Amino acid sequence: MLLLSCLFLVSAAVFGVVGSYKVDVLRKDLANAIAARDAAELRRVTQETELKTRETAVAGAEAKIAEAENKATKAQTELLKLQSEKADLESKLDASRNEIASLQKRIGEGRPAVSPSQNSETASKPEQQRTTPRPSAQIAQESVEEATPPPPPQPKRRKIAPSKTPEVASTPQITSYSSAKALATFTPLPKYPSRVRSPGVTGIGVCIVSVDPASGNVTGASMERSTGDSTLDKSAVNAFRKWRFRPGTVSKVRIPVEFTMTGASP
């Protein structure tokens, strides 16, 4: 009887231990389930936040794209407007060029003959002719040319001379440096020779440069007035032979040159 009681007590203790173990396991499982639920809820909240952030970014990108499209449309409109203005300006430029070409052709062909009505008008206004000596001189020259037949080279020179550049006479005229400076396209300065720098040689001279009117290239150069030193003269001549001018502008140019210790300048 006592043995049976002990057996029941032992079995009750074993069942109690097993039950407590199961309760602990169930509590742990419940805690793990709660932790998993909380983690899943946190992930859901995080994903919703990221989704809202992405939606905001997409909306901003769409707004920027729309703004860029509007700017592109405005730029295209302005481009079309500028192209139309460019076409108008080109047409005006072509018209101006045609007008200039026609004027040059008229100038090359010579002035038209004076009609009898114009002669009567000029005769009735002597005071106006006195106040404008230039037209009167041209008229006198034309009457002389009509009285005496002109030589053959004269109409050729009149045709060769352009409308915007000075006429090149048969005898070349010497142009000053101040007038020819704006017509020069390449003007290297003379170099101060090193072998005369140490003695301190200086000088002022004048060089005459011959230019081919057709090409603007210098064909020859010589010193009209020496600087006082042959080395300085040679340096000036070598430099001025490399100069270039616009075609049809000058035939001879007088260039003053000054050599100092700091260098050379025309």
C-alpha atoms as a PDB file:
ATOM      1  CA  MET A   1       0.000   0.000   0.000  1.00  0.00           C
ATOM      2  CA  LEU A   2       2.798   2.311   0.889  1.00  0.00           C
ATOM      3  CA  LEU A   3       4.590   1.365  -2.278  1.00  0.00           C
ATOM      4  CA  LEU A   4       1.525   2.199  -4.329  1.00  0.00           C
ATOM      5  CA  SER A   5       1.277   5.598  -2.660  1.00  0.00           C
ATOM      6  CA  CYS A   6       4.917   6.336  -3.403  1.00  0.00           C
ATOM      7  CA  LEU A   7       4.366   5.289  -6.993  1.00  0.00           C
ATOM      8  CA  PHE A   8       1.455   7.696  -7.328  1.00  0.00           C
ATOM      9  CA  LEU A   9       3.465  10.513  -5.798  1.00  0.00           C
ATOM     10  CA  VAL A  10       6.350   9.872  -8.159  1.00  0.00           C
ATOM     11  CA  SER A  11       4.067   9.746 -11.186  1.00  0.00           C
ATOM     12  CA  ALA A  12       2.363  12.960 -10.033  1.00  0.00           C
ATOM     13  CA  ALA A  13       5.742  14.640  -9.694  1.00  0.00           C
ATOM     14  CA  VAL A  14       6.777  13.444 -13.129  1.00  0.00           C
ATOM     15  CA  PHE A  15       3.552  14.736 -14.675  1.00  0.00           C
ATOM     16  CA  GLY A  16       4.016  18.061 -12.876  1.00  0.00           C
ATOM     17  CA  VAL A  17       7.541  18.426 -14.207  1.00  0.00           C
ATOM     18  CA  VAL A  18       6.427  17.500 -17.700  1.00  0.00           C
ATOM     19  CA  GLY A  19       3.508  19.936 -17.514  1.00  0.00           C
ATOM     20  CA  SER A  20       5.699  22.790 -16.306  1.00  0.00           C
ATOM     21  CA  TYR A  21       8.154  22.067 -19.146  1.00  0.00           C
ATOM     22  CA  LYS A  22       5.327  22.132 -21.656  1.00  0.00           C
ATOM     23  CA  VAL A  23       4.060  25.401 -20.189  1.00  0.00           C
ATOM     24  CA  ASP A  24       7.551  26.937 -20.538  1.00  0.00           C
ATOM     25  CA  VAL A  25       7.743  25.719 -24.130  1.00  0.00           C
ATOM     26  CA  LEU A  26       4.333  27.162 -24.886  1.00  0.00           C
ATOM     27  CA  ARG A  27       5.310  30.483 -23.306  1.00  0.00           C
ATOM     28  CA  LYS A  28       8.500  30.585 -25.391  1.00  0.00           C
ATOM     29  CA  ASP A  29       6.538  29.778 -28.539  1.00  0.00           C
ATOM     30  CA  LEU A  30       4.039  32.491 -27.666  1.00  0.00           C
ATOM     31  CA  ALA A  31       6.862  35.014 -27.111  1.00  0.00           C
ATOM     32  CA  ASN A  32       8.477  34.041 -30.429  1.00  0.00           C
ATOM     33  CA  ALA A  33       5.130  34.380 -32.197  1.00  0.00           C
ATOM     34  CA  ILE A  34       4.583  37.815 -30.671  1.00  0.00           C
ATOM     35  CA  ALA A  35       8.129  38.870 -31.672  1.00  0.00           C
ATOM     36  CA  ALA A  36       7.577  37.592 -35.231  1.00  0.00           C
ATOM     37  CA  ARG A  37       4.259  39.458 -35.392  1.00  0.00           C
ATOM     38  CA  ASP A  38       5.926  42.661 -34.199  1.00  0.00           C
ATOM     39  CA  ALA A  39       8.753  42.233 -36.718  1.00  0.00           C
ATOM     40  CA  ALA A  40       6.247  41.658 -39.510  1.00  0.00           C
ATOM     41  CA  GLU A  41       4.300  44.753 -38.448  1.00  0.00           C
ATOM     42  CA  LEU A  42       7.520  46.789 -38.404  1.00  0.00           C
ATOM     43  CA  ARG A  43       8.441  45.528 -41.874  1.00  0.00           C
ATOM     44  CA  ARG A  44       4.973  46.425 -43.109  1.00  0.00           C
ATOM     45  CA  VAL A  45       5.220  49.940 -41.708  1.00  0.00           C
ATOM     46  CA  THR A  46       8.719  50.328 -43.190  1.00  0.00           C
ATOM     47  CA  GLN A  47       7.565  49.122 -46.599  1.00  0.00           C
ATOM     48  CA  GLU A  48       4.602  51.506 -46.529  1.00  0.00           C
ATOM     49  CA  THR A  49       6.935  54.392 -45.654  1.00  0.00           C
ATOM     50  CA  GLU A  50       9.323  53.451 -48.475  1.00  0.00           C
ATOM     51  CA  LEU A  51       6.387  53.142 -50.868  1.00  0.00           C
ATOM     52  CA  LYS A  52       5.146  56.615 -49.961  1.00  0.00           C
ATOM     53  CA  THR A  53       8.685  58.004 -50.370  1.00  0.00           C
ATOM     54  CA  ARG A  54       8.992  56.401 -53.790  1.00  0.00           C
ATOM     55  CA  GLU A  55       5.585  57.706 -54.822  1.00  0.00           C
ATOM     56  CA  THR A  56       6.660  61.219 -53.775  1.00  0.00           C
ATOM     57  CA  ALA A  57       9.915  60.880 -55.731  1.00  0.00           C
ATOM     58  CA  VAL A  58       8.041  59.632 -58.796  1.00  0.00           C
ATOM     59  CA  ALA A  59       5.612  62.530 -58.568  1.00  0.00           C
ATOM     60  CA  GLY A  60       8.543  65.000 -58.346  1.00  0.00           C
ATOM     61  CA  ALA A  61      10.259  63.359 -61.313  1.00  0.00           C
ATOM     62  CA  GLU A  62       7.037  63.555 -63.343  1.00  0.00           C
ATOM     63  CA  ALA A  63       6.706  67.244 -62.451  1.00  0.00           C
ATOM     64  CA  LYS A  64      10.312  67.860 -63.557  1.00  0.00           C
ATOM     65  CA  ILE A  65       9.700  65.966 -66.796  1.00  0.00           C
ATOM     66  CA  ALA A  66       6.602  68.060 -67.483  1.00  0.00           C
ATOM     67  CA  GLU A  67       8.550  71.252 -66.775  1.00  0.00           C
ATOM     68  CA  ALA A  68      11.371  70.099 -69.062  1.00  0.00           C
ATOM     69  CA  GLU A  69       8.857  69.326 -71.811  1.00  0.00           C
ATOM     70  CA  ASN A  70       7.363  72.811 -71.442  1.00  0.00           C
ATOM     71  CA  LYS A  71      10.819  74.363 -71.670  1.00  0.00           C
ATOM     72  CA  ALA A  72      11.608  72.240 -74.734  1.00  0.00           C
ATOM     73  CA  THR A  73       8.379  73.383 -76.379  1.00  0.00           C
ATOM     74  CA  LYS A  74       9.192  77.034 -75.662  1.00  0.00           C
ATOM     75  CA  ALA A  75      12.741  76.549 -76.958  1.00  0.00           C
ATOM     76  CA  GLN A  76      11.412  75.015 -80.176  1.00  0.00           C
ATOM     77  CA  THR A  77       9.020  77.916 -80.604  1.00  0.00           C
ATOM     78  CA  GLU A  78      11.827  80.438 -80.088  1.00  0.00           C
ATOM     79  CA  LEU A  79      14.053  78.479 -82.471  1.00  0.00           C
ATOM     80  CA  LEU A  80      11.409  78.576 -85.179  1.00  0.00           C
ATOM     81  CA  LYS A  81      11.009  82.306 -84.607  1.00  0.00           C
ATOM     82  CA  LEU A  82      14.765  82.881 -84.819  1.00  0.00           C
ATOM     83  CA  GLN A  83      14.950  80.790 -87.982  1.00  0.00           C
ATOM     84  CA  SER A  84      12.219  82.879 -89.580  1.00  0.00           C
ATOM     85  CA  GLU A  85      14.025  86.082 -88.530  1.00  0.00           C
ATOM     86  CA  LYS A  86      17.264  84.662 -89.923  1.00  0.00           C
ATOM     87  CA  ALA A  87      15.549  83.898 -93.229  1.00  0.00           C
ATOM     88  CA  ASP A  88      14.203  87.464 -93.364  1.00  0.00           C
ATOM     89  CA  LEU A  89      17.634  88.907 -92.621  1.00  0.00           C
ATOM     90  CA  GLU A  90      19.247  86.692 -95.268  1.00  0.00           C
ATOM     91  CA  SER A  91      16.705  87.817 -97.839  1.00  0.00           C
ATOM     92  CA  LYS A  92      17.368  91.455 -96.917  1.00  0.00           C
ATOM     93  CA  LEU A  93      21.110  90.812 -97.080  1.00  0.00           C
ATOM     94  CA  ASP A  94      20.768  89.238-100.535  1.00  0.00           C
ATOM     95  CA  ALA A  95      18.735  92.223-101.666  1.00  0.00           C
ATOM     96  CA  SER A  96      21.396  94.603-100.310  1.00  0.00           C
ATOM     97  CA  ARG A  97      24.132  92.608-102.041  1.00  0.00           C
ATOM     98  CA  ASN A  98      22.255  92.711-105.326  1.00  0.00           C
ATOM     99  CA  GLU A  99      21.797  96.452-104.930  1.00  0.00           C
ATOM    100  CA  ILE A 100      25.500  96.917-104.151  1.00  0.00           C
ATOM    101  CA  ALA A 101      26.415  94.772-107.153  1.00  0.00           C
ATOM    102  CA  SER A 102      24.174  96.846-109.400  1.00  0.00           C
ATOM    103  CA  LEU A 103      25.691 100.071-108.036  1.00  0.00           C
ATOM    104  CA  GLN A 104      29.199  98.723-108.585  1.00  0.00           C
ATOM    105  CA  LYS A 105      28.230  97.775-112.123  1.00  0.00           C
ATOM    106  CA  ARG A 106      26.889 101.259-112.764  1.00  0.00           C
ATOM    107  CA  ILE A 107      30.035 102.833-111.324  1.00  0.00           C
ATOM    108  CA  GLY A 108      32.208 100.507-113.444  1.00  0.00           C
ATOM    109  CA  GLU A 109      30.296 101.289-116.595  1.00  0.00           C
ATOM    110  CA  GLY A 110      30.660 105.015-115.985  1.00  0.00           C
ATOM    111  CA  ARG A 111      28.244 107.861-115.321  1.00  0.00           C
ATOM    112  CA  PRO A 112      25.343 108.323-117.790  1.00  0.00           C
ATOM    113  CA  ALA A 113      25.348 111.143-120.267  1.00  0.00           C
ATOM    114  CA  VAL A 114      23.783 114.433-119.115  1.00  0.00           C
ATOM    115  CA  SER A 115      20.420 115.112-120.720  1.00  0.00           C
ATOM    116  CA  PRO A 116      19.574 118.530-122.258  1.00  0.00           C
ATOM    117  CA  SER A 117      17.037 119.209-119.482  1.00  0.00           C
ATOM    118  CA  GLN A 118      19.760 118.708-116.891  1.00  0.00           C
ATOM    119  CA  ASN A 119      22.061 121.031-118.844  1.00  0.00           C
ATOM    120  CA  SER A 120      19.365 123.743-118.806  1.00  0.00           C
ATOM    121  CA  GLU A 121      18.861 123.250-115.072  1.00  0.00           C
ATOM    122  CA  THR A 122      22.572 123.534-114.381  1.00  0.00           C
ATOM    123  CA  ALA A 123      22.768 126.633-116.548  1.00  0.00           C
ATOM    124  CA  SER A 124      19.855 128.260-114.682  1.00  0.00           C
ATOM    125  CA  LYS A 125      21.568 127.687-111.287  1.00  0.00           C
ATOM    126  CA  PRO A 126      25.073 129.170-111.468  1.00  0.00           C
ATOM    127  CA  GLU A 127      25.240 129.902-107.739  1.00  0.00           C
ATOM    128  CA  GLN A 128      24.671 126.254-106.855  1.00  0.00           C
ATOM    129  CA  GLN A 129      27.506 125.254-109.179  1.00  0.00           C
ATOM    130  CA  ARG A 130      29.833 127.679-107.435  1.00  0.00           C
ATOM    131  CA  THR A 131      29.037 126.275-103.985  1.00  0.00           C
ATOM    132  CA  THR A 132      29.731 122.691-105.143  1.00  0.00           C
ATOM    133  CA  PRO A 133      33.134 122.766-106.814  1.00  0.00           C
ATOM    134  CA  ARG A 134      33.483 119.025-106.966  1.00  0.00           C
ATOM    135  CA  PRO A 135      30.655 118.333-109.446  1.00  0.00           C
ATOM    136  CA  SER A 136      31.753 121.281-111.551  1.00  0.00           C
ATOM    137  CA  ALA A 137      35.258 119.876-111.751  1.00  0.00           C
ATOM    138  CA  GLN A 138      33.915 116.515-112.821  1.00  0.00           C
ATOM    139  CA  ILE A 139      31.732 118.127-115.467  1.00  0.00           C
ATOM    140  CA  ALA A 140      34.689 120.101-116.796  1.00  0.00           C
ATOM    141  CA  GLN A 141      36.727 116.955-116.928  1.00  0.00           C
ATOM    142  CA  GLU A 142      33.992 115.156-118.836  1.00  0.00           C
ATOM    143  CA  SER A 143      33.727 118.000-121.363  1.00  0.00           C
ATOM    144  CA  VAL A 144      37.482 117.857-121.934  1.00  0.00           C
ATOM    145  CA  GLU A 145      37.288 114.105-122.412  1.00  0.00           C
ATOM    146  CA  GLU A 146      34.528 114.578-124.953  1.00  0.00           C
ATOM    147  CA  ALA A 147      36.618 117.174-126.825  1.00  0.00           C
ATOM    148  CA  THR A 148      39.745 115.029-126.843  1.00  0.00           C
ATOM    149  CA  PRO A 149      39.392 111.250-127.217  1.00  0.00           C
ATOM    150  CA  PRO A 150      40.579 109.445-124.060  1.00  0.00           C
ATOM    151  CA  PRO A 151      43.540 107.053-124.274  1.00  0.00           C
ATOM    152  CA  PRO A 152      42.769 103.314-124.165  1.00  0.00           C
ATOM    153  CA  PRO A 153      44.083 102.639-120.588  1.00  0.00           C
ATOM    154  CA  GLN A 154      41.593 105.064-118.926  1.00  0.00           C
ATOM    155  CA  PRO A 155      38.407 102.968-119.246  1.00  0.00           C
ATOM    156  CA  LYS A 156      40.376  99.911-118.050  1.00  0.00           C
ATOM    157  CA  ARG A 157      41.468 101.715-114.887  1.00  0.00           C
ATOM    158  CA  ARG A 158      37.880 102.841-114.305  1.00  0.00           C
ATOM    159  CA  LYS A 159      36.632  99.248-114.517  1.00  0.00           C
ATOM    160  CA  ILE A 160      39.362  97.757-112.318  1.00  0.00           C
ATOM    161  CA  ALA A 161      38.838 100.190-109.434  1.00  0.00           C
ATOM    162  CA  PRO A 162      36.412  98.766-106.809  1.00  0.00           C
ATOM    163  CA  SER A 163      33.628 100.908-105.341  1.00  0.00           C
ATOM    164  CA  LYS A 164      34.765 100.791-101.704  1.00  0.00           C
ATOM    165  CA  THR A 165      38.552 101.045-102.186  1.00  0.00           C
ATOM    166  CA  PRO A 166      40.638 103.952-103.435  1.00  0.00           C
ATOM    167  CA  GLU A 167      41.556 103.988-107.126  1.00  0.00           C
ATOM    168  CA  VAL A 168      45.039 102.791-107.986  1.00  0.00           C
ATOM    169  CA  ALA A 169      46.614 105.195-110.460  1.00  0.00           C
ATOM    170  CA  SER A 170      49.103 104.265-113.093  1.00  0.00           C
ATOM    171  CA  THR A 171      51.867 105.948-111.078  1.00  0.00           C
ATOM    172  CA  PRO A 172      51.854 104.429-107.580  1.00  0.00           C
ATOM    173  CA  GLN A 173      51.047 106.914-104.814  1.00  0.00           C
ATOM    174  CA  ILE A 174      52.828 106.652-101.471  1.00  0.00           C
ATOM    175  CA  THR A 175      50.404 106.089 -98.579  1.00  0.00           C
ATOM    176  CA  SER A 176      51.274 107.160 -95.062  1.00  0.00           C
ATOM    177  CA  TYR A 177      51.550 104.581 -92.299  1.00  0.00           C
ATOM    178  CA  SER A 178      48.657 106.105 -90.362  1.00  0.00           C
ATOM    179  CA  SER A 179      46.345 105.622 -93.363  1.00  0.00           C
ATOM    180  CA  ALA A 180      47.632 102.159 -94.333  1.00  0.00           C
ATOM    181  CA  LYS A 181      47.664 100.745 -90.809  1.00  0.00           C
ATOM    182  CA  ALA A 182      43.970  99.883 -90.939  1.00  0.00           C
ATOM    183  CA  LEU A 183      44.446  98.160 -94.325  1.00  0.00           C
ATOM    184  CA  ALA A 184      47.258  95.862 -93.131  1.00  0.00           C
ATOM    185  CA  THR A 185      46.441  92.243 -92.317  1.00  0.00           C
ATOM    186  CA  PHE A 186      49.864  91.002 -91.133  1.00  0.00           C
ATOM    187  CA  THR A 187      52.389  93.371 -89.515  1.00  0.00           C
ATOM    188  CA  PRO A 188      55.359  91.686 -87.796  1.00  0.00           C
ATOM    189  CA  LEU A 189      57.561  94.223 -85.980  1.00  0.00           C
ATOM    190  CA  PRO A 190      61.297  94.522 -86.684  1.00  0.00           C
ATOM    191  CA  LYS A 191      63.531  92.699 -84.218  1.00  0.00           C
ATOM    192  CA  TYR A 192      66.194  94.584 -82.337  1.00  0.00           C
ATOM    193  CA  PRO A 193      69.467  92.801 -83.287  1.00  0.00           C
ATOM    194  CA  SER A 194      71.250  91.322 -80.298  1.00  0.00           C
ATOM    195  CA  ARG A 195      74.713  92.259 -81.581  1.00  0.00           C
ATOM    196  CA  VAL A 196      73.900  95.984 -81.491  1.00  0.00           C
ATOM    197  CA  ARG A 197      71.956  95.837 -78.223  1.00  0.00           C
ATOM    198  CA  SER A 198      75.041  95.706 -75.983  1.00  0.00           C
ATOM    199  CA  PRO A 199      76.645  98.881 -77.440  1.00  0.00           C
ATOM    200  CA  GLY A 200      73.250 100.599 -77.066  1.00  0.00           C
ATOM    201  CA  VAL A 201      72.767 101.497 -80.749  1.00  0.00           C
ATOM    202  CA  THR A 202      69.469 103.285 -81.513  1.00  0.00           C
ATOM    203  CA  GLY A 203      68.083 105.055 -84.534  1.00  0.00           C
ATOM    204  CA  ILE A 204      65.073 106.460 -86.349  1.00  0.00           C
ATOM    205  CA  GLY A 205      64.456 105.868 -90.060  1.00  0.00           C
ATOM    206  CA  VAL A 206      61.829 105.646 -92.792  1.00  0.00           C
ATOM    207  CA  CYS A 207      61.197 102.610 -95.014  1.00  0.00           C
ATOM    208  CA  ILE A 208      59.362 102.612 -98.367  1.00  0.00           C
ATOM    209  CA  VAL A 209      57.381  99.417 -99.038  1.00  0.00           C
ATOM    210  CA  SER A 210      56.148  98.429-102.522  1.00  0.00           C
ATOM    211  CA  VAL A 211      52.908  96.397-102.558  1.00  0.00           C
ATOM    212  CA  ASP A 212      51.289  94.335-105.284  1.00  0.00           C
ATOM    213  CA  PRO A 213      47.722  95.775-105.436  1.00  0.00           C
ATOM    214  CA  ALA A 214      46.253  92.552-106.783  1.00  0.00           C
ATOM    215  CA  SER A 215      47.423  90.298-103.946  1.00  0.00           C
ATOM    216  CA  GLY A 216      48.404  92.718-101.178  1.00  0.00           C
ATOM    217  CA  ASN A 217      51.860  91.119-100.856  1.00  0.00           C
ATOM    218  CA  VAL A 218      54.948  93.252-100.393  1.00  0.00           C
ATOM    219  CA  THR A 219      57.190  93.061-103.449  1.00  0.00           C
ATOM    220  CA  GLY A 220      60.054  95.211-102.193  1.00  0.00           C
ATOM    221  CA  ALA A 221      61.271  97.360 -99.326  1.00  0.00           C
ATOM    222  CA  SER A 222      64.055  99.937 -99.060  1.00  0.00           C
ATOM    223  CA  MET A 223      65.141 102.568 -96.570  1.00  0.00           C
ATOM    224  CA  GLU A 224      64.211 106.073 -97.673  1.00  0.00           C
ATOM    225  CA  ARG A 225      65.996 107.452 -94.618  1.00  0.00           C
ATOM    226  CA  SER A 226      68.554 105.302 -92.840  1.00  0.00           C
ATOM    227  CA  THR A 227      68.554 104.769 -89.096  1.00  0.00           C
ATOM    228  CA  GLY A 228      72.283 105.373 -89.061  1.00  0.00           C
ATOM    229  CA  ASP A 229      73.178 101.704 -88.676  1.00  0.00           C
ATOM    230  CA  SER A 230      73.155  99.137 -91.459  1.00  0.00           C
ATOM    231  CA  THR A 231      72.182  96.300 -89.110  1.00  0.00           C
ATOM    232  CA  LEU A 232      69.100  98.163 -87.935  1.00  0.00           C
ATOM    233  CA  ASP A 233      68.201  99.042 -91.560  1.00  0.00           C
ATOM    234  CA  LYS A 234      68.477  95.388 -92.582  1.00  0.00           C
ATOM    235  CA  SER A 235      66.284  94.258 -89.681  1.00  0.00           C
ATOM    236  CA  ALA A 236      63.603  96.818 -90.599  1.00  0.00           C
ATOM    237  CA  VAL A 237      63.633  95.894 -94.304  1.00  0.00           C
ATOM    238  CA  ASN A 238      63.418  92.150 -93.547  1.00  0.00           C
ATOM    239  CA  ALA A 239      60.446  92.690 -91.244  1.00  0.00           C
ATOM    240  CA  PHE A 240      58.521  95.025 -93.581  1.00  0.00           C
ATOM    241  CA  ARG A 241      58.936  92.622 -96.516  1.00  0.00           C
ATOM    242  CA  LYS A 242      56.716  90.166 -94.598  1.00  0.00           C
ATOM    243  CA  TRP A 243      53.822  92.614 -94.248  1.00  0.00           C
ATOM    244  CA  ARG A 244      50.503  91.926 -95.984  1.00  0.00           C
ATOM    245  CA  PHE A 245      47.731  94.350 -96.993  1.00  0.00           C
ATOM    246  CA  ARG A 246      44.212  93.985 -98.269  1.00  0.00           C
ATOM    247  CA  PRO A 247      44.162  93.497-102.048  1.00  0.00           C
ATOM    248  CA  GLY A 248      43.366  96.565-104.097  1.00  0.00           C
ATOM    249  CA  THR A 249      44.093  99.110-101.344  1.00  0.00           C
ATOM    250  CA  VAL A 250      47.694 100.409-101.452  1.00  0.00           C
ATOM    251  CA  SER A 251      50.662 100.259-103.805  1.00  0.00           C
ATOM    252  CA  LYS A 252      53.359 102.033-101.783  1.00  0.00           C
ATOM    253  CA  VAL A 253      53.549 102.757 -98.070  1.00  0.00           C
ATOM    254  CA  ARG A 254      55.921 104.968 -96.112  1.00  0.00           C
ATOM    255  CA  ILE A 255      56.588 103.390 -92.698  1.00  0.00           C
ATOM    256  CA  PRO A 256      58.618 105.212 -90.022  1.00  0.00           C
ATOM    257  CA  VAL A 257      60.590 102.966 -87.650  1.00  0.00           C
ATOM    258  CA  GLU A 258      62.334 103.712 -84.361  1.00  0.00           C
ATOM    259  CA  PHE A 259      64.855 101.409 -82.660  1.00  0.00           C
ATOM    260  CA  THR A 260      65.265 101.898 -78.902  1.00  0.00           C
ATOM    261  CA  MET A 261      66.781  99.809 -76.153  1.00  0.00           C
ATOM    262  CA  THR A 262      63.356  98.337 -75.406  1.00  0.00           C
ATOM    263  CA  GLY A 263      62.756  97.212 -79.004  1.00  0.00           C
ATOM    264  CA  ALA A 264      61.534  98.491 -82.376  1.00  0.00           C
ATOM    265  CA  SER A 265      58.221 100.113 -83.251  1.00  0.00           C
ATOM    266  CA  PRO A 266      56.807 101.704 -86.438  1.00  0.00           C
END
